PDB file of N, CA and C in Angstrom:
ATOM      1  N   UNK A   1       0.874  -1.008  -0.183  1.00  0.00           N
ATOM      2  CA  UNK A   1       0.091  -0.012   0.054  1.00  0.00           C
ATOM      3  C   UNK A   1       0.902   1.079  -0.034  1.00  0.00           C
ATOM      4  N   UNK A   2       2.046   1.243   0.715  1.00  0.00           N
ATOM      5  CA  UNK A   2       2.966   2.679   0.752  1.00  0.00           C
ATOM      6  C   UNK A   2       3.001   2.741  -0.581  1.00  0.00           C
ATOM      7  N   UNK A   3       4.108   1.333  -0.846  1.00  0.00           N
ATOM      8  CA  UNK A   3       4.580   1.691  -2.289  1.00  0.00           C
ATOM      9  C   UNK A   3       3.455   2.224  -3.409  1.00  0.00           C
ATOM     10  N   UNK A   4       2.197   1.978  -3.409  1.00  0.00           N
ATOM     11  CA  UNK A   4       1.220   2.456  -4.355  1.00  0.00           C
ATOM     12  C   UNK A   4       1.172   3.761  -3.928  1.00  0.00           C
ATOM     13  N   UNK A   5       1.196   4.171  -2.712  1.00  0.00           N
ATOM     14  CA  UNK A   5       0.988   5.563  -2.576  1.00  0.00           C
ATOM     15  C   UNK A   5       2.178   6.609  -3.046  1.00  0.00           C
ATOM     16  N   UNK A   6       3.287   5.974  -2.435  1.00  0.00           N
ATOM     17  CA  UNK A   6       4.435   6.942  -3.231  1.00  0.00           C
ATOM     18  C   UNK A   6       4.734   6.696  -4.811  1.00  0.00           C
ATOM     19  N   UNK A   7       4.299   5.837  -5.332  1.00  0.00           N
ATOM     20  CA  UNK A   7       4.166   5.980  -6.738  1.00  0.00           C
ATOM     21  C   UNK A   7       3.171   6.743  -7.453  1.00  0.00           C
ATOM     22  N   UNK A   8       2.178   6.823  -6.468  1.00  0.00           N
ATOM     23  CA  UNK A   8       1.107   7.962  -6.981  1.00  0.00           C
ATOM     24  C   UNK A   8       1.408   9.495  -6.755  1.00  0.00           C
ATOM     25  N   UNK A   9       1.981   9.738  -5.479  1.00  0.00           N
ATOM     26  CA  UNK A   9       2.953  10.979  -5.678  1.00  0.00           C
ATOM     27  C   UNK A   9       3.591  11.286  -6.494  1.00  0.00           C
ATOM     28  N   UNK A  10       4.798   9.959  -6.967  1.00  0.00           N
ATOM     29  CA  UNK A  10       5.834  10.651  -7.894  1.00  0.00           C
ATOM     30  C   UNK A  10       4.961  11.001  -9.471  1.00  0.00           C
ATOM     31  N   UNK A  11       3.999  10.037  -9.794  1.00  0.00           N
ATOM     32  CA  UNK A  11       3.576  10.539 -10.836  1.00  0.00           C
ATOM     33  C   UNK A  11       2.912  11.671 -10.569  1.00  0.00           C
ATOM     34  N   UNK A  12       2.401  12.114  -9.895  1.00  0.00           N
ATOM     35  CA  UNK A  12       1.628  13.549  -9.417  1.00  0.00           C
ATOM     36  C   UNK A  12       2.800  14.609  -9.573  1.00  0.00           C
ATOM     37  N   UNK A  13       3.583  14.499  -9.048  1.00  0.00           N
ATOM     38  CA  UNK A  13       5.169  15.368  -9.008  1.00  0.00           C
ATOM     39  C   UNK A  13       5.500  15.436  -9.875  1.00  0.00           C
ATOM     40  N   UNK A  14       5.729  14.511 -11.278  1.00  0.00           N
ATOM     41  CA  UNK A  14       6.293  14.615 -12.310  1.00  0.00           C
ATOM     42  C   UNK A  14       5.379  15.360 -13.362  1.00  0.00           C
ATOM     43  N   UNK A  15       3.952  15.847 -12.921  1.00  0.00           N
ATOM     44  CA  UNK A  15       2.970  15.905 -13.969  1.00  0.00           C
ATOM     45  C   UNK A  15       3.058  17.753 -13.450  1.00  0.00           C
ATOM     46  N   UNK A  16       2.943  17.932 -12.357  1.00  0.00           N
ATOM     47  CA  UNK A  16       3.195  19.269 -12.049  1.00  0.00           C
ATOM     48  C   UNK A  16       4.284  20.169 -12.250  1.00  0.00           C
ATOM     49  N   UNK A  17       5.728  19.242 -12.547  1.00  0.00           N
ATOM     50  CA  UNK A  17       6.811  19.809 -12.893  1.00  0.00           C
ATOM     51  C   UNK A  17       6.846  20.215 -14.253  1.00  0.00           C
ATOM     52  N   UNK A  18       6.318  19.272 -15.299  1.00  0.00           N
ATOM     53  CA  UNK A  18       6.040  19.041 -16.734  1.00  0.00           C
ATOM     54  C   UNK A  18       4.985  20.186 -16.867  1.00  0.00           C
ATOM     55  N   UNK A  19       4.225  20.593 -16.372  1.00  0.00           N
ATOM     56  CA  UNK A  19       3.116  21.952 -16.690  1.00  0.00           C
ATOM     57  C   UNK A  19       4.012  23.416 -16.311  1.00  0.00           C
ATOM     58  N   UNK A  20       4.885  23.046 -15.541  1.00  0.00           N
ATOM     59  CA  UNK A  20       5.865  24.430 -15.205  1.00  0.00           C
ATOM     60  C   UNK A  20       7.293  24.517 -16.196  1.00  0.00           C
ATOM     61  N   UNK A  21       7.919  23.249 -16.536  1.00  0.00           N
ATOM     62  CA  UNK A  21       8.916  23.237 -17.090  1.00  0.00           C
ATOM     63  C   UNK A  21       9.177  24.189 -18.412  1.00  0.00           C
ATOM     64  N   UNK A  22       8.351  24.544 -19.373  1.00  0.00           N
ATOM     65  CA  UNK A  22       8.479  25.659 -20.354  1.00  0.00           C
ATOM     66  C   UNK A  22       8.113  27.131 -20.059  1.00  0.00           C
ATOM     67  N   UNK A  23       7.797  27.122 -18.461  1.00  0.00           N
ATOM     68  CA  UNK A  23       7.257  28.671 -17.889  1.00  0.00           C
ATOM     69  C   UNK A  23       8.661  29.482 -18.116  1.00  0.00           C
ATOM     70  N   UNK A  24       8.730  30.257 -18.384  1.00  0.00           N
ATOM     71  CA  UNK A  24      10.049  31.649 -18.189  1.00  0.00           C
ATOM     72  C   UNK A  24      10.118  32.145 -16.816  1.00  0.00           C
ATOM     73  N   UNK A  25      11.023  32.453 -16.383  1.00  0.00           N
ATOM     74  CA  UNK A  25      11.211  33.107 -14.797  1.00  0.00           C
ATOM     75  C   UNK A  25      10.194  34.105 -14.707  1.00  0.00           C
ATOM     76  N   UNK A  26       9.879  35.351 -15.371  1.00  0.00           N
ATOM     77  CA  UNK A  26       9.191  36.025 -15.023  1.00  0.00           C
ATOM     78  C   UNK A  26       7.690  35.860 -14.966  1.00  0.00           C
ATOM     79  N   UNK A  27       7.101  34.770 -15.861  1.00  0.00           N
ATOM     80  CA  UNK A  27       6.166  34.255 -15.527  1.00  0.00           C
ATOM     81  C   UNK A  27       5.845  33.593 -14.189  1.00  0.00           C
ATOM     82  N   UNK A  28       6.876  32.852 -13.973  1.00  0.00           N
ATOM     83  CA  UNK A  28       7.012  31.845 -13.024  1.00  0.00           C
ATOM     84  C   UNK A  28       6.841  32.866 -11.623  1.00  0.00           C
ATOM     85  N   UNK A  29       7.268  33.901 -11.734  1.00  0.00           N
ATOM     86  CA  UNK A  29       7.410  34.596 -10.553  1.00  0.00           C
ATOM     87  C   UNK A  29       6.183  35.717 -10.423  1.00  0.00           C
ATOM     88  N   UNK A  30       5.624  35.960 -11.442  1.00  0.00           N
ATOM     89  CA  UNK A  30       4.615  36.934 -11.558  1.00  0.00           C
ATOM     90  C   UNK A  30       3.450  36.764 -10.982  1.00  0.00           C
ATOM     91  N   UNK A  31       2.878  37.580  -9.998  1.00  0.00           N
ATOM     92  CA  UNK A  31       1.562  37.308  -9.526  1.00  0.00           C
ATOM     93  C   UNK A  31       0.575  38.034 -10.289  1.00  0.00           C
ATOM     94  N   UNK A  32      -0.479  36.873 -11.126  1.00  0.00           N
ATOM     95  CA  UNK A  32      -1.514  37.520 -12.150  1.00  0.00           C
ATOM     96  C   UNK A  32      -2.418  38.684 -11.598  1.00  0.00           C
ATOM     97  N   UNK A  33      -2.677  38.283 -10.484  1.00  0.00           N
ATOM     98  CA  UNK A  33      -4.052  39.211  -9.666  1.00  0.00           C
ATOM     99  C   UNK A  33      -3.544  39.313  -8.564  1.00  0.00           C
ATOM    100  N   UNK A  34      -4.405  40.731  -8.042  1.00  0.00           N
ATOM    101  CA  UNK A  34      -3.860  40.665  -6.443  1.00  0.00           C
ATOM    102  C   UNK A  34      -4.315  39.573  -5.488  1.00  0.00           C
ATOM    103  N   UNK A  35      -5.174  38.884  -5.800  1.00  0.00           N
ATOM    104  CA  UNK A  35      -5.955  38.243  -4.827  1.00  0.00           C
ATOM    105  C   UNK A  35      -5.342  36.667  -5.216  1.00  0.00           C
ATOM    106  N   UNK A  36      -4.663  36.790  -6.006  1.00  0.00           N
ATOM    107  CA  UNK A  36      -3.721  35.368  -6.076  1.00  0.00           C
ATOM    108  C   UNK A  36      -2.018  35.209  -6.039  1.00  0.00           C
ATOM    109  N   UNK A  37      -1.566  34.177  -5.558  1.00  0.00           N
ATOM    110  CA  UNK A  37      -0.094  34.324  -5.180  1.00  0.00           C
ATOM    111  C   UNK A  37       0.691  33.633  -6.394  1.00  0.00           C
ATOM    112  N   UNK A  38       1.898  33.983  -6.818  1.00  0.00           N
ATOM    113  CA  UNK A  38       2.591  33.361  -7.930  1.00  0.00           C
ATOM    114  C   UNK A  38       2.858  31.817  -8.037  1.00  0.00           C
ATOM    115  N   UNK A  39       3.148  31.622  -9.002  1.00  0.00           N
ATOM    116  CA  UNK A  39       3.046  29.947  -9.297  1.00  0.00           C
ATOM    117  C   UNK A  39       3.765  29.018  -8.364  1.00  0.00           C
ATOM    118  N   UNK A  40       4.980  29.615  -8.123  1.00  0.00           N
ATOM    119  CA  UNK A  40       6.140  28.798  -6.888  1.00  0.00           C
ATOM    120  C   UNK A  40       5.501  28.990  -5.519  1.00  0.00           C
ATOM    121  N   UNK A  41       4.581  29.632  -5.019  1.00  0.00           N
ATOM    122  CA  UNK A  41       4.378  29.503  -3.714  1.00  0.00           C
ATOM    123  C   UNK A  41       3.279  28.139  -3.409  1.00  0.00           C
ATOM    124  N   UNK A  42       2.209  27.880  -4.317  1.00  0.00           N
ATOM    125  CA  UNK A  42       1.605  26.771  -3.787  1.00  0.00           C
ATOM    126  C   UNK A  42       2.329  25.419  -4.069  1.00  0.00           C
ATOM    127  N   UNK A  43       2.984  25.464  -5.544  1.00  0.00           N
ATOM    128  CA  UNK A  43       4.009  24.341  -5.473  1.00  0.00           C
ATOM    129  C   UNK A  43       5.153  23.763  -4.148  1.00  0.00           C
ATOM    130  N   UNK A  44       5.502  25.081  -4.080  1.00  0.00           N
ATOM    131  CA  UNK A  44       6.488  25.019  -2.359  1.00  0.00           C
ATOM    132  C   UNK A  44       5.383  24.359  -1.350  1.00  0.00           C
ATOM    133  N   UNK A  45       4.311  24.786  -1.095  1.00  0.00           N
ATOM    134  CA  UNK A  45       3.256  24.183   0.191  1.00  0.00           C
ATOM    135  C   UNK A  45       3.316  22.817  -0.287  1.00  0.00           C
ATOM    136  N   UNK A  46       2.952  22.420  -1.480  1.00  0.00           N
ATOM    137  CA  UNK A  46       2.656  20.815  -1.786  1.00  0.00           C
ATOM    138  C   UNK A  46       4.056  20.081  -1.693  1.00  0.00           C
ATOM    139  N   UNK A  47       5.112  20.677  -1.799  1.00  0.00           N
ATOM    140  CA  UNK A  47       6.164  20.035  -1.682  1.00  0.00           C
ATOM    141  C   UNK A  47       6.514  19.668  -0.380  1.00  0.00           C
ATOM    142  N   UNK A  48       6.455  20.527   0.198  1.00  0.00           N
ATOM    143  CA  UNK A  48       6.489  20.858   1.724  1.00  0.00           C
ATOM    144  C   UNK A  48       5.781  19.823   2.615  1.00  0.00           C
ATOM    145  N   UNK A  49       4.365  20.222   2.415  1.00  0.00           N
ATOM    146  CA  UNK A  49       3.267  19.087   3.086  1.00  0.00           C
ATOM    147  C   UNK A  49       3.697  17.596   2.997  1.00  0.00           C
ATOM    148  N   UNK A  50       4.029  17.419   1.320  1.00  0.00           N
ATOM    149  CA  UNK A  50       4.108  16.013   0.816  1.00  0.00           C
ATOM    150  C   UNK A  50       5.562  15.430   1.638  1.00  0.00           C
ATOM    151  N   UNK A  51       6.453  15.918   1.554  1.00  0.00           N
ATOM    152  CA  UNK A  51       7.723  15.939   2.579  1.00  0.00           C
ATOM    153  C   UNK A  51       7.789  15.701   3.845  1.00  0.00           C
ATOM    154  N   UNK A  52       7.475  16.517   4.239  1.00  0.00           N
ATOM    155  CA  UNK A  52       7.218  16.143   5.729  1.00  0.00           C
ATOM    156  C   UNK A  52       6.054  15.651   6.662  1.00  0.00           C
ATOM    157  N   UNK A  53       4.594  15.925   5.616  1.00  0.00           N
ATOM    158  CA  UNK A  53       3.622  15.132   6.521  1.00  0.00           C
ATOM    159  C   UNK A  53       3.382  13.979   5.940  1.00  0.00           C
ATOM    160  N   UNK A  54       3.571  13.400   4.505  1.00  0.00           N
ATOM    161  CA  UNK A  54       3.387  12.229   4.056  1.00  0.00           C
ATOM    162  C   UNK A  54       4.538  11.547   3.976  1.00  0.00           C
ATOM    163  N   UNK A  55       5.456  11.991   3.188  1.00  0.00           N
ATOM    164  CA  UNK A  55       6.703  10.723   2.733  1.00  0.00           C
ATOM    165  C   UNK A  55       7.344  10.027   4.270  1.00  0.00           C
ATOM    166  N   UNK A  56       7.941  11.238   4.955  1.00  0.00           N
ATOM    167  CA  UNK A  56       8.821  11.213   6.003  1.00  0.00           C
ATOM    168  C   UNK A  56       7.981  10.016   7.347  1.00  0.00           C
ATOM    169  N   UNK A  57       6.642  10.404   7.550  1.00  0.00           N
ATOM    170  CA  UNK A  57       6.117   9.232   8.597  1.00  0.00           C
ATOM    171  C   UNK A  57       5.585   8.173   7.814  1.00  0.00           C
ATOM    172  N   UNK A  58       5.567   8.040   6.411  1.00  0.00           N
ATOM    173  CA  UNK A  58       4.957   6.501   6.091  1.00  0.00           C
ATOM    174  C   UNK A  58       6.156   5.383   6.110  1.00  0.00           C
ATOM    175  N   UNK A  59       7.412   6.016   6.075  1.00  0.00           N
ATOM    176  CA  UNK A  59       8.025   4.811   6.103  1.00  0.00           C
ATOM    177  C   UNK A  59       8.652   4.243   7.323  1.00  0.00           C
TER     178      UNK A  59
END
């Protein structure tokens, strides 16, 4: 079960990075609207939560 979850996270992570791969730095860092954050902020939160809450404690 843990292996299947880990593989699912790997697949999801790969898809997230693929979406951002061709994005230039200016777009990646820009804030498109005052009510929205830049692209890297939610990506950083997802990575942090996955790392600390899920992967670290599931081994």
